[in-house]
Amino acid sequence: MTTNETLTAWFRGRIPDGWYAEPVTVRADRDEILVTGVLTPPELGDDLSPDGQRVALASRIAGHREATREQRIAIAREAEHRFERKVSWAARCGEEECSFTTASVPVMTRLRLAERQVLDILIDAGIARSRSEALAWCVRLVGRNEEAWIAQLREAMAHVAKVRDEGPSGA
């Protein structure tokens, strides 16, 4: 499997200079590669309200998305062929971030009655439109609230993978 460092290096080398204010970040799983670039914010002036500033930043992202569409599609096709995963894009400008062309991958799970009832409560409360959306909401909530623990777990798994790679090779 291709490492995240290899993916990051490939995209940083492949994306044209000048698109972003800093090197892109790349996150990936078995199904998708998400490339996020930071845009230089526009001159906002002192006369814009916070809502006006958000509109200006979102407009910068939308402009970038349109201006780079054809090249992003070509880069994504090349990467999808090379790495056998879908490529998604996101851009951040100031405090605004927008993901586009992201993959929504189905995940099968078996839930008991009590677990399904939790999802149904989220639907009844208007937080989610479906059990699938409610489950995604729960996953995001855990990710935010347990960020430090998940980072420790990810680090431990990286260490396990490193030790496994350094071990004896099977014959």
C-alpha atoms as a PDB file:
ATOM      1  CA  MET A   1       0.000   0.000   0.000  1.00  0.00           C
ATOM      2  CA  THR A   2       1.211   3.472  -0.832  1.00  0.00           C
ATOM      3  CA  THR A   3       2.263   5.537   2.197  1.00  0.00           C
ATOM      4  CA  ASN A   4       0.777   8.926   2.982  1.00  0.00           C
ATOM      5  CA  GLU A   5       4.254  10.439   2.522  1.00  0.00           C
ATOM      6  CA  THR A   6       4.414   9.049  -1.024  1.00  0.00           C
ATOM      7  CA  LEU A   7       0.946  10.424  -1.806  1.00  0.00           C
ATOM      8  CA  THR A   8       1.822  13.821  -0.336  1.00  0.00           C
ATOM      9  CA  ALA A   9       5.095  13.972  -2.274  1.00  0.00           C
ATOM     10  CA  TRP A  10       3.376  12.993  -5.525  1.00  0.00           C
ATOM     11  CA  PHE A  11       0.659  15.647  -5.212  1.00  0.00           C
ATOM     12  CA  ARG A  12       3.093  18.353  -4.093  1.00  0.00           C
ATOM     13  CA  GLY A  13       5.192  17.601  -7.158  1.00  0.00           C
ATOM     14  CA  ARG A  14       2.247  17.353  -9.536  1.00  0.00           C
ATOM     15  CA  ILE A  15       0.155  20.396  -8.518  1.00  0.00           C
ATOM     16  CA  PRO A  16       1.224  23.568 -10.373  1.00  0.00           C
ATOM     17  CA  ASP A  17       3.192  26.167  -8.426  1.00  0.00           C
ATOM     18  CA  GLY A  18       1.140  29.160  -7.399  1.00  0.00           C
ATOM     19  CA  TRP A  19      -2.131  27.362  -6.749  1.00  0.00           C
ATOM     20  CA  TYR A  20      -1.738  27.466  -2.970  1.00  0.00           C
ATOM     21  CA  ALA A  21      -0.089  29.644  -0.341  1.00  0.00           C
ATOM     22  CA  GLU A  22       1.554  26.635   1.319  1.00  0.00           C
ATOM     23  CA  PRO A  23       2.195  22.964   0.510  1.00  0.00           C
ATOM     24  CA  VAL A  24      -0.963  20.846   0.207  1.00  0.00           C
ATOM     25  CA  THR A  25      -1.940  18.374   2.894  1.00  0.00           C
ATOM     26  CA  VAL A  26      -2.984  14.890   1.849  1.00  0.00           C
ATOM     27  CA  ARG A  27      -5.117  12.491   3.871  1.00  0.00           C
ATOM     28  CA  ALA A  28      -6.065   9.059   2.628  1.00  0.00           C
ATOM     29  CA  ASP A  29      -7.771   5.820   3.489  1.00  0.00           C
ATOM     30  CA  ARG A  30      -8.366   2.637   1.474  1.00  0.00           C
ATOM     31  CA  ASP A  31     -10.969   4.327  -0.733  1.00  0.00           C
ATOM     32  CA  GLU A  32     -10.128   8.013  -1.094  1.00  0.00           C
ATOM     33  CA  ILE A  33      -7.315  10.553  -1.225  1.00  0.00           C
ATOM     34  CA  LEU A  34      -8.246  14.049   0.007  1.00  0.00           C
ATOM     35  CA  VAL A  35      -5.986  16.887  -1.155  1.00  0.00           C
ATOM     36  CA  THR A  36      -6.404  20.186   0.720  1.00  0.00           C
ATOM     37  CA  GLY A  37      -4.773  23.446  -0.303  1.00  0.00           C
ATOM     38  CA  VAL A  38      -4.637  26.773   1.524  1.00  0.00           C
ATOM     39  CA  LEU A  39      -5.461  29.836  -0.574  1.00  0.00           C
ATOM     40  CA  THR A  40      -4.141  33.329  -0.057  1.00  0.00           C
ATOM     41  CA  PRO A  41      -7.007  35.342   1.455  1.00  0.00           C
ATOM     42  CA  PRO A  42      -8.306  38.360  -0.458  1.00  0.00           C
ATOM     43  CA  GLU A  43      -7.848  41.905   0.823  1.00  0.00           C
ATOM     44  CA  LEU A  44     -10.937  42.282   3.010  1.00  0.00           C
ATOM     45  CA  GLY A  45     -10.639  45.878   4.166  1.00  0.00           C
ATOM     46  CA  ASP A  46     -12.065  47.158   7.439  1.00  0.00           C
ATOM     47  CA  ASP A  47     -15.626  47.735   6.277  1.00  0.00           C
ATOM     48  CA  LEU A  48     -16.826  44.113   6.027  1.00  0.00           C
ATOM     49  CA  SER A  49     -18.844  42.460   8.774  1.00  0.00           C
ATOM     50  CA  PRO A  50     -17.928  38.906   9.827  1.00  0.00           C
ATOM     51  CA  ASP A  51     -20.646  37.631   7.470  1.00  0.00           C
ATOM     52  CA  GLY A  52     -19.204  39.723   4.640  1.00  0.00           C
ATOM     53  CA  GLN A  53     -15.741  38.373   5.356  1.00  0.00           C
ATOM     54  CA  ARG A  54     -17.048  34.778   5.205  1.00  0.00           C
ATOM     55  CA  VAL A  55     -18.682  35.533   1.855  1.00  0.00           C
ATOM     56  CA  ALA A  56     -15.406  36.963   0.500  1.00  0.00           C
ATOM     57  CA  LEU A  57     -13.407  33.935   1.654  1.00  0.00           C
ATOM     58  CA  ALA A  58     -15.975  31.483   0.259  1.00  0.00           C
ATOM     59  CA  SER A  59     -15.942  33.429  -3.005  1.00  0.00           C
ATOM     60  CA  ARG A  60     -12.144  33.058  -3.212  1.00  0.00           C
ATOM     61  CA  ILE A  61     -12.538  29.288  -2.777  1.00  0.00           C
ATOM     62  CA  ALA A  62     -15.295  29.124  -5.430  1.00  0.00           C
ATOM     63  CA  GLY A  63     -13.143  31.093  -7.872  1.00  0.00           C
ATOM     64  CA  HIS A  64     -10.204  28.766  -7.312  1.00  0.00           C
ATOM     65  CA  ARG A  65     -12.442  25.739  -7.799  1.00  0.00           C
ATOM     66  CA  GLU A  66     -13.674  27.005 -11.174  1.00  0.00           C
ATOM     67  CA  ALA A  67     -10.280  28.254 -12.376  1.00  0.00           C
ATOM     68  CA  THR A  68      -8.516  24.952 -11.646  1.00  0.00           C
ATOM     69  CA  ARG A  69     -11.328  22.511 -12.521  1.00  0.00           C
ATOM     70  CA  GLU A  70      -9.886  21.059 -15.740  1.00  0.00           C
ATOM     71  CA  GLN A  71      -6.368  20.653 -14.347  1.00  0.00           C
ATOM     72  CA  ARG A  72      -7.672  19.153 -11.079  1.00  0.00           C
ATOM     73  CA  ILE A  73      -9.698  16.611 -13.046  1.00  0.00           C
ATOM     74  CA  ALA A  74      -6.632  15.648 -15.105  1.00  0.00           C
ATOM     75  CA  ILE A  75      -4.455  15.324 -11.982  1.00  0.00           C
ATOM     76  CA  ALA A  76      -7.172  13.302 -10.219  1.00  0.00           C
ATOM     77  CA  ARG A  77      -7.524  10.895 -13.157  1.00  0.00           C
ATOM     78  CA  GLU A  78      -3.769  10.362 -13.241  1.00  0.00           C
ATOM     79  CA  ALA A  79      -3.643   9.761  -9.478  1.00  0.00           C
ATOM     80  CA  GLU A  80      -6.701   7.492  -9.494  1.00  0.00           C
ATOM     81  CA  HIS A  81      -5.060   5.305 -12.135  1.00  0.00           C
ATOM     82  CA  ARG A  82      -1.732   5.307 -10.299  1.00  0.00           C
ATOM     83  CA  PHE A  83      -2.969   4.825  -6.713  1.00  0.00           C
ATOM     84  CA  GLU A  84      -6.288   3.000  -7.380  1.00  0.00           C
ATOM     85  CA  ARG A  85      -8.332   5.331  -5.165  1.00  0.00           C
ATOM     86  CA  LYS A  86     -10.732   8.208  -5.767  1.00  0.00           C
ATOM     87  CA  VAL A  87      -9.257  11.696  -5.414  1.00  0.00           C
ATOM     88  CA  SER A  88     -11.167  14.457  -3.644  1.00  0.00           C
ATOM     89  CA  TRP A  89     -10.256  18.114  -3.276  1.00  0.00           C
ATOM     90  CA  ALA A  90     -10.720  20.777  -0.611  1.00  0.00           C
ATOM     91  CA  ALA A  91      -9.574  24.353  -0.185  1.00  0.00           C
ATOM     92  CA  ARG A  92      -9.173  26.536   2.885  1.00  0.00           C
ATOM     93  CA  CYS A  93      -9.074  30.308   2.885  1.00  0.00           C
ATOM     94  CA  GLY A  94      -8.842  32.037   6.250  1.00  0.00           C
ATOM     95  CA  GLU A  95     -11.413  30.376   8.503  1.00  0.00           C
ATOM     96  CA  GLU A  96     -13.471  29.022   5.595  1.00  0.00           C
ATOM     97  CA  GLU A  97     -12.976  25.518   4.220  1.00  0.00           C
ATOM     98  CA  CYS A  98     -14.870  23.817   1.428  1.00  0.00           C
ATOM     99  CA  SER A  99     -14.594  20.211   0.270  1.00  0.00           C
ATOM    100  CA  PHE A 100     -15.583  19.356  -3.271  1.00  0.00           C
ATOM    101  CA  THR A 101     -15.784  16.138  -5.233  1.00  0.00           C
ATOM    102  CA  THR A 102     -15.606  14.084  -2.031  1.00  0.00           C
ATOM    103  CA  ALA A 103     -16.451  10.397  -2.013  1.00  0.00           C
ATOM    104  CA  SER A 104     -19.284   9.086   0.103  1.00  0.00           C
ATOM    105  CA  VAL A 105     -18.376   5.464   0.713  1.00  0.00           C
ATOM    106  CA  PRO A 106     -20.986   3.016   2.022  1.00  0.00           C
ATOM    107  CA  VAL A 107     -20.027   1.157   5.182  1.00  0.00           C
ATOM    108  CA  MET A 108     -22.001  -1.879   6.252  1.00  0.00           C
ATOM    109  CA  THR A 109     -22.778  -2.273   9.940  1.00  0.00           C
ATOM    110  CA  ARG A 110     -25.105  -4.283  12.135  1.00  0.00           C
ATOM    111  CA  LEU A 111     -26.843  -2.392  14.902  1.00  0.00           C
ATOM    112  CA  ARG A 112     -29.034  -3.708  17.695  1.00  0.00           C
ATOM    113  CA  LEU A 113     -32.355  -2.143  18.650  1.00  0.00           C
ATOM    114  CA  ALA A 114     -30.939   0.281  21.244  1.00  0.00           C
ATOM    115  CA  GLU A 115     -28.306   1.522  18.796  1.00  0.00           C
ATOM    116  CA  ARG A 116     -30.885   1.990  16.019  1.00  0.00           C
ATOM    117  CA  GLN A 117     -33.087   3.902  18.444  1.00  0.00           C
ATOM    118  CA  VAL A 118     -30.271   6.406  19.038  1.00  0.00           C
ATOM    119  CA  LEU A 119     -30.070   7.008  15.295  1.00  0.00           C
ATOM    120  CA  ASP A 120     -33.863   7.314  15.055  1.00  0.00           C
ATOM    121  CA  ILE A 121     -33.893   9.927  17.831  1.00  0.00           C
ATOM    122  CA  LEU A 122     -31.417  12.006  15.823  1.00  0.00           C
ATOM    123  CA  ILE A 123     -33.726  11.719  12.812  1.00  0.00           C
ATOM    124  CA  ASP A 124     -36.847  12.600  14.822  1.00  0.00           C
ATOM    125  CA  ALA A 125     -35.035  15.637  16.280  1.00  0.00           C
ATOM    126  CA  GLY A 126     -34.174  16.882  12.784  1.00  0.00           C
ATOM    127  CA  ILE A 127     -30.415  16.459  13.264  1.00  0.00           C
ATOM    128  CA  ALA A 128     -30.220  13.873  10.463  1.00  0.00           C
ATOM    129  CA  ARG A 129     -32.437  12.854   7.555  1.00  0.00           C
ATOM    130  CA  SER A 130     -31.561   9.157   7.587  1.00  0.00           C
ATOM    131  CA  ARG A 131     -29.883   6.510   9.693  1.00  0.00           C
ATOM    132  CA  SER A 132     -26.843   6.751   7.435  1.00  0.00           C
ATOM    133  CA  GLU A 133     -26.586  10.506   8.020  1.00  0.00           C
ATOM    134  CA  ALA A 134     -27.179  10.047  11.764  1.00  0.00           C
ATOM    135  CA  LEU A 135     -24.387   7.473  11.966  1.00  0.00           C
ATOM    136  CA  ALA A 136     -22.015   9.824  10.094  1.00  0.00           C
ATOM    137  CA  TRP A 137     -22.962  12.589  12.569  1.00  0.00           C
ATOM    138  CA  CYS A 138     -22.090  10.265  15.489  1.00  0.00           C
ATOM    139  CA  VAL A 139     -18.721   9.388  13.942  1.00  0.00           C
ATOM    140  CA  ARG A 140     -17.870  13.099  13.474  1.00  0.00           C
ATOM    141  CA  LEU A 141     -18.883  13.813  17.084  1.00  0.00           C
ATOM    142  CA  VAL A 142     -16.629  11.060  18.439  1.00  0.00           C
ATOM    143  CA  GLY A 143     -13.808  12.242  16.168  1.00  0.00           C
ATOM    144  CA  ARG A 144     -14.031  15.787  17.566  1.00  0.00           C
ATOM    145  CA  ASN A 145     -14.495  14.815  21.201  1.00  0.00           C
ATOM    146  CA  GLU A 146     -11.855  12.087  21.267  1.00  0.00           C
ATOM    147  CA  GLU A 147      -9.318  13.734  18.953  1.00  0.00           C
ATOM    148  CA  ALA A 148      -6.336  13.294  21.304  1.00  0.00           C
ATOM    149  CA  TRP A 149      -7.125   9.627  21.963  1.00  0.00           C
ATOM    150  CA  ILE A 150      -7.592   8.906  18.253  1.00  0.00           C
ATOM    151  CA  ALA A 151      -4.254  10.627  17.514  1.00  0.00           C
ATOM    152  CA  GLN A 152      -2.559   8.373  20.094  1.00  0.00           C
ATOM    153  CA  LEU A 153      -4.209   5.326  18.564  1.00  0.00           C
ATOM    154  CA  ARG A 154      -3.123   6.373  15.051  1.00  0.00           C
ATOM    155  CA  GLU A 155       0.457   6.872  16.298  1.00  0.00           C
ATOM    156  CA  ALA A 156       0.456   3.452  17.949  1.00  0.00           C
ATOM    157  CA  MET A 157      -0.812   1.832  14.748  1.00  0.00           C
ATOM    158  CA  ALA A 158       1.934   3.569  12.741  1.00  0.00           C
ATOM    159  CA  HIS A 159       4.489   2.160  15.188  1.00  0.00           C
ATOM    160  CA  VAL A 160       3.006  -1.340  14.788  1.00  0.00           C
ATOM    161  CA  ALA A 161       3.205  -1.022  10.989  1.00  0.00           C
ATOM    162  CA  LYS A 162       6.846   0.116  11.227  1.00  0.00           C
ATOM    163  CA  VAL A 163       7.802  -2.807  13.478  1.00  0.00           C
ATOM    164  CA  ARG A 164       5.933  -5.213  11.183  1.00  0.00           C
ATOM    165  CA  ASP A 165       7.796  -3.831   8.127  1.00  0.00           C
ATOM    166  CA  GLU A 166      11.159  -4.205   9.902  1.00  0.00           C
ATOM    167  CA  GLY A 167      10.431  -7.809  10.871  1.00  0.00           C
ATOM    168  CA  PRO A 168      11.476 -10.931   9.006  1.00  0.00           C
ATOM    169  CA  SER A 169      10.014 -11.317   5.549  1.00  0.00           C
ATOM    170  CA  GLY A 170       7.898 -14.376   4.810  1.00  0.00           C
ATOM    171  CA  ALA A 171       9.356 -16.914   2.417  1.00  0.00           C
END
